[in-house]
Amino acid sequence: MIPLIAASCWEVFSRYVLGEPTLWAYEIGYMAMGTHFLIGLAYTLRQREHVRVDFFYSHVSEKARAVIDAFAYVALLLPLAGWLAFGLGEKAIRAYETHERTGLSAFNPVVWPFRLIMATGFALLFLQALAELLRCYEALRKPR
């Protein structure tokens, strides 16, 4: 978060005090925020802090919750996270090989590090979803 805060503060100072907006703050901002968000996905799942609709979920037994979670992991999260990790990994490799740049400003940084972070974030989410699926399996194995 420090690069994001520093870039944002400099941009505000440069734009409103010096009257000269920067060419690079936007790109640093979206890359830093995207990195923070993507790496936080798996950690938030591990801490069980993702937003969920508790209308039904909070009124069922632990085993029923495990079934609901297992279904969500198998049917939705694992396929989606795996597909995104693989696809973004391929895009990161292609961006590295072609020296792709953002093209959004004069700063024009290479994009492969950010794409690699995106792929890593979804790979970590995939692995955490597998761990959560094992947690569901253990909850279902427990005797009452």
C-alpha atoms as a PDB file:
ATOM      1  CA  MET A   1       0.000   0.000   0.000  1.00  0.00           C
ATOM      2  CA  ILE A   2       2.934   2.366   0.550  1.00  0.00           C
ATOM      3  CA  PRO A   3       3.631   2.855  -3.196  1.00  0.00           C
ATOM      4  CA  LEU A   4      -0.070   3.531  -3.778  1.00  0.00           C
ATOM      5  CA  ILE A   5      -0.242   6.089  -0.961  1.00  0.00           C
ATOM      6  CA  ALA A   6       3.017   7.741  -2.015  1.00  0.00           C
ATOM      7  CA  ALA A   7       1.973   7.981  -5.678  1.00  0.00           C
ATOM      8  CA  SER A   8      -1.461   9.348  -4.761  1.00  0.00           C
ATOM      9  CA  CYS A   9      -0.035  11.942  -2.367  1.00  0.00           C
ATOM     10  CA  TRP A  10       2.557  13.056  -4.912  1.00  0.00           C
ATOM     11  CA  GLU A  11      -0.099  13.296  -7.628  1.00  0.00           C
ATOM     12  CA  VAL A  12      -2.340  15.484  -5.450  1.00  0.00           C
ATOM     13  CA  PHE A  13       0.595  17.696  -4.437  1.00  0.00           C
ATOM     14  CA  SER A  14       1.910  17.931  -7.986  1.00  0.00           C
ATOM     15  CA  ARG A  15      -1.488  18.633  -9.521  1.00  0.00           C
ATOM     16  CA  TYR A  16      -2.919  21.110  -7.016  1.00  0.00           C
ATOM     17  CA  VAL A  17       0.168  22.783  -5.515  1.00  0.00           C
ATOM     18  CA  LEU A  18       2.621  22.728  -8.405  1.00  0.00           C
ATOM     19  CA  GLY A  19      -0.003  22.817 -11.144  1.00  0.00           C
ATOM     20  CA  GLU A  20       1.756  20.021 -13.048  1.00  0.00           C
ATOM     21  CA  PRO A  21       0.037  16.620 -12.914  1.00  0.00           C
ATOM     22  CA  THR A  22       2.234  13.550 -13.296  1.00  0.00           C
ATOM     23  CA  LEU A  23       2.215  11.097 -16.166  1.00  0.00           C
ATOM     24  CA  TRP A  24       2.908   8.006 -14.060  1.00  0.00           C
ATOM     25  CA  ALA A  25       0.745   8.194 -10.902  1.00  0.00           C
ATOM     26  CA  TYR A  26      -2.337   6.600 -12.486  1.00  0.00           C
ATOM     27  CA  GLU A  27      -0.382   3.555 -13.658  1.00  0.00           C
ATOM     28  CA  ILE A  28       1.386   3.124 -10.334  1.00  0.00           C
ATOM     29  CA  GLY A  29      -1.986   3.502  -8.618  1.00  0.00           C
ATOM     30  CA  TYR A  30      -3.887   0.839 -10.522  1.00  0.00           C
ATOM     31  CA  MET A  31      -0.965  -1.595 -10.422  1.00  0.00           C
ATOM     32  CA  ALA A  32      -0.423  -1.155  -6.675  1.00  0.00           C
ATOM     33  CA  MET A  33      -4.139  -1.385  -5.881  1.00  0.00           C
ATOM     34  CA  GLY A  34      -4.595  -4.386  -8.157  1.00  0.00           C
ATOM     35  CA  THR A  35      -1.664  -6.140  -6.516  1.00  0.00           C
ATOM     36  CA  HIS A  36      -3.007  -5.458  -3.050  1.00  0.00           C
ATOM     37  CA  PHE A  37      -6.475  -6.693  -3.981  1.00  0.00           C
ATOM     38  CA  LEU A  38      -5.350  -9.852  -5.777  1.00  0.00           C
ATOM     39  CA  ILE A  39      -2.877 -10.995  -3.151  1.00  0.00           C
ATOM     40  CA  GLY A  40      -5.508 -10.317  -0.480  1.00  0.00           C
ATOM     41  CA  LEU A  41      -8.075 -12.658  -2.057  1.00  0.00           C
ATOM     42  CA  ALA A  42      -6.529 -15.889  -0.756  1.00  0.00           C
ATOM     43  CA  TYR A  43      -5.747 -14.393   2.650  1.00  0.00           C
ATOM     44  CA  THR A  44      -9.310 -13.170   3.051  1.00  0.00           C
ATOM     45  CA  LEU A  45     -10.645 -16.629   2.160  1.00  0.00           C
ATOM     46  CA  ARG A  46      -8.284 -18.196   4.700  1.00  0.00           C
ATOM     47  CA  GLN A  47      -9.562 -15.842   7.395  1.00  0.00           C
ATOM     48  CA  ARG A  48     -13.180 -16.544   6.350  1.00  0.00           C
ATOM     49  CA  GLU A  49     -13.798 -12.833   5.924  1.00  0.00           C
ATOM     50  CA  HIS A  50     -15.337 -12.778   2.442  1.00  0.00           C
ATOM     51  CA  VAL A  51     -18.798 -11.292   2.277  1.00  0.00           C
ATOM     52  CA  ARG A  52     -21.504 -13.921   2.184  1.00  0.00           C
ATOM     53  CA  VAL A  53     -25.269 -13.858   2.422  1.00  0.00           C
ATOM     54  CA  ASP A  54     -26.032 -15.180   5.892  1.00  0.00           C
ATOM     55  CA  PHE A  55     -29.800 -15.274   5.514  1.00  0.00           C
ATOM     56  CA  PHE A  56     -29.777 -19.056   5.085  1.00  0.00           C
ATOM     57  CA  TYR A  57     -26.182 -19.990   5.854  1.00  0.00           C
ATOM     58  CA  SER A  58     -26.172 -18.885   9.508  1.00  0.00           C
ATOM     59  CA  HIS A  59     -29.271 -20.969  10.340  1.00  0.00           C
ATOM     60  CA  VAL A  60     -27.983 -24.381   9.230  1.00  0.00           C
ATOM     61  CA  SER A  61     -25.709 -26.931  10.886  1.00  0.00           C
ATOM     62  CA  GLU A  62     -21.929 -27.058  10.487  1.00  0.00           C
ATOM     63  CA  LYS A  63     -22.223 -30.033   8.130  1.00  0.00           C
ATOM     64  CA  ALA A  64     -24.755 -28.242   5.947  1.00  0.00           C
ATOM     65  CA  ARG A  65     -22.417 -25.247   5.806  1.00  0.00           C
ATOM     66  CA  ALA A  66     -19.594 -27.571   4.760  1.00  0.00           C
ATOM     67  CA  VAL A  67     -21.768 -28.955   1.943  1.00  0.00           C
ATOM     68  CA  ILE A  68     -22.697 -25.451   0.765  1.00  0.00           C
ATOM     69  CA  ASP A  69     -19.066 -24.312   0.877  1.00  0.00           C
ATOM     70  CA  ALA A  70     -17.787 -27.454  -0.850  1.00  0.00           C
ATOM     71  CA  PHE A  71     -20.313 -26.982  -3.651  1.00  0.00           C
ATOM     72  CA  ALA A  72     -19.268 -23.352  -4.088  1.00  0.00           C
ATOM     73  CA  TYR A  73     -15.576 -24.278  -4.174  1.00  0.00           C
ATOM     74  CA  VAL A  74     -15.982 -27.164  -6.617  1.00  0.00           C
ATOM     75  CA  ALA A  75     -18.590 -25.610  -8.909  1.00  0.00           C
ATOM     76  CA  LEU A  76     -17.441 -21.998  -8.938  1.00  0.00           C
ATOM     77  CA  LEU A  77     -14.242 -20.934  -7.232  1.00  0.00           C
ATOM     78  CA  LEU A  78     -11.790 -23.682  -8.194  1.00  0.00           C
ATOM     79  CA  PRO A  79     -12.628 -23.690 -11.927  1.00  0.00           C
ATOM     80  CA  LEU A  80     -12.685 -19.895 -12.138  1.00  0.00           C
ATOM     81  CA  ALA A  81      -9.483 -19.324 -10.145  1.00  0.00           C
ATOM     82  CA  GLY A  82      -7.665 -22.106 -12.034  1.00  0.00           C
ATOM     83  CA  TRP A  83      -8.754 -20.772 -15.418  1.00  0.00           C
ATOM     84  CA  LEU A  84      -7.741 -17.200 -14.526  1.00  0.00           C
ATOM     85  CA  ALA A  85      -4.381 -18.250 -13.056  1.00  0.00           C
ATOM     86  CA  PHE A  86      -3.536 -20.295 -16.139  1.00  0.00           C
ATOM     87  CA  GLY A  87      -4.761 -17.698 -18.641  1.00  0.00           C
ATOM     88  CA  LEU A  88      -3.073 -14.788 -16.888  1.00  0.00           C
ATOM     89  CA  GLY A  89       0.129 -16.821 -16.586  1.00  0.00           C
ATOM     90  CA  GLU A  90       0.128 -17.294 -20.352  1.00  0.00           C
ATOM     91  CA  LYS A  91      -0.495 -13.566 -20.849  1.00  0.00           C
ATOM     92  CA  ALA A  92       2.397 -12.743 -18.493  1.00  0.00           C
ATOM     93  CA  ILE A  93       4.741 -14.993 -20.475  1.00  0.00           C
ATOM     94  CA  ARG A  94       3.598 -13.474 -23.764  1.00  0.00           C
ATOM     95  CA  ALA A  95       4.001  -9.933 -22.358  1.00  0.00           C
ATOM     96  CA  TYR A  96       7.532 -10.794 -21.192  1.00  0.00           C
ATOM     97  CA  GLU A  97       8.496 -12.260 -24.560  1.00  0.00           C
ATOM     98  CA  THR A  98       7.150  -9.297 -26.527  1.00  0.00           C
ATOM     99  CA  HIS A  99       8.258  -6.607 -24.039  1.00  0.00           C
ATOM    100  CA  GLU A 100       4.659  -5.369 -23.933  1.00  0.00           C
ATOM    101  CA  ARG A 101       4.109  -1.963 -22.345  1.00  0.00           C
ATOM    102  CA  THR A 102       0.965  -0.283 -21.071  1.00  0.00           C
ATOM    103  CA  GLY A 103       0.827   2.508 -23.621  1.00  0.00           C
ATOM    104  CA  LEU A 104      -1.290   4.629 -21.273  1.00  0.00           C
ATOM    105  CA  SER A 105       1.214   7.363 -20.495  1.00  0.00           C
ATOM    106  CA  ALA A 106       4.736   8.593 -21.091  1.00  0.00           C
ATOM    107  CA  PHE A 107       5.804   6.418 -18.125  1.00  0.00           C
ATOM    108  CA  ASN A 108       4.809   3.346 -20.207  1.00  0.00           C
ATOM    109  CA  PRO A 109       6.059   0.541 -17.917  1.00  0.00           C
ATOM    110  CA  VAL A 110       6.298  -3.105 -18.960  1.00  0.00           C
ATOM    111  CA  VAL A 111       3.207  -5.075 -17.959  1.00  0.00           C
ATOM    112  CA  TRP A 112       4.589  -8.556 -17.398  1.00  0.00           C
ATOM    113  CA  PRO A 113       5.323  -8.050 -13.659  1.00  0.00           C
ATOM    114  CA  PHE A 114       1.753  -6.938 -13.020  1.00  0.00           C
ATOM    115  CA  ARG A 115       0.330  -9.802 -15.081  1.00  0.00           C
ATOM    116  CA  LEU A 116       2.563 -12.229 -13.203  1.00  0.00           C
ATOM    117  CA  ILE A 117       1.210 -10.866  -9.908  1.00  0.00           C
ATOM    118  CA  MET A 118      -2.327 -11.291 -11.224  1.00  0.00           C
ATOM    119  CA  ALA A 119      -1.656 -14.918 -12.146  1.00  0.00           C
ATOM    120  CA  THR A 120       0.020 -15.537  -8.783  1.00  0.00           C
ATOM    121  CA  GLY A 121      -2.920 -13.999  -6.921  1.00  0.00           C
ATOM    122  CA  PHE A 122      -5.397 -16.315  -8.621  1.00  0.00           C
ATOM    123  CA  ALA A 123      -3.075 -19.318  -8.175  1.00  0.00           C
ATOM    124  CA  LEU A 124      -2.916 -18.565  -4.446  1.00  0.00           C
ATOM    125  CA  LEU A 125      -6.705 -18.269  -4.378  1.00  0.00           C
ATOM    126  CA  PHE A 126      -6.948 -21.650  -6.124  1.00  0.00           C
ATOM    127  CA  LEU A 127      -4.643 -23.265  -3.564  1.00  0.00           C
ATOM    128  CA  GLN A 128      -6.526 -21.695  -0.661  1.00  0.00           C
ATOM    129  CA  ALA A 129      -9.826 -22.916  -2.108  1.00  0.00           C
ATOM    130  CA  LEU A 130      -8.340 -26.433  -2.202  1.00  0.00           C
ATOM    131  CA  ALA A 131      -7.358 -26.069   1.455  1.00  0.00           C
ATOM    132  CA  GLU A 132     -10.877 -24.878   2.278  1.00  0.00           C
ATOM    133  CA  LEU A 133     -12.326 -27.847   0.397  1.00  0.00           C
ATOM    134  CA  LEU A 134     -10.223 -30.142   2.588  1.00  0.00           C
ATOM    135  CA  ARG A 135     -11.549 -28.275   5.623  1.00  0.00           C
ATOM    136  CA  CYS A 136     -15.088 -28.980   4.402  1.00  0.00           C
ATOM    137  CA  TYR A 137     -14.219 -32.650   3.950  1.00  0.00           C
ATOM    138  CA  GLU A 138     -12.930 -32.812   7.530  1.00  0.00           C
ATOM    139  CA  ALA A 139     -16.103 -31.146   8.831  1.00  0.00           C
ATOM    140  CA  LEU A 140     -18.215 -33.725   6.984  1.00  0.00           C
ATOM    141  CA  ARG A 141     -16.105 -36.635   8.309  1.00  0.00           C
ATOM    142  CA  LYS A 142     -16.492 -35.623  11.941  1.00  0.00           C
ATOM    143  CA  PRO A 143     -19.005 -37.599  13.930  1.00  0.00           C
ATOM    144  CA  ARG A 144     -21.869 -35.570  15.349  1.00  0.00           C
END
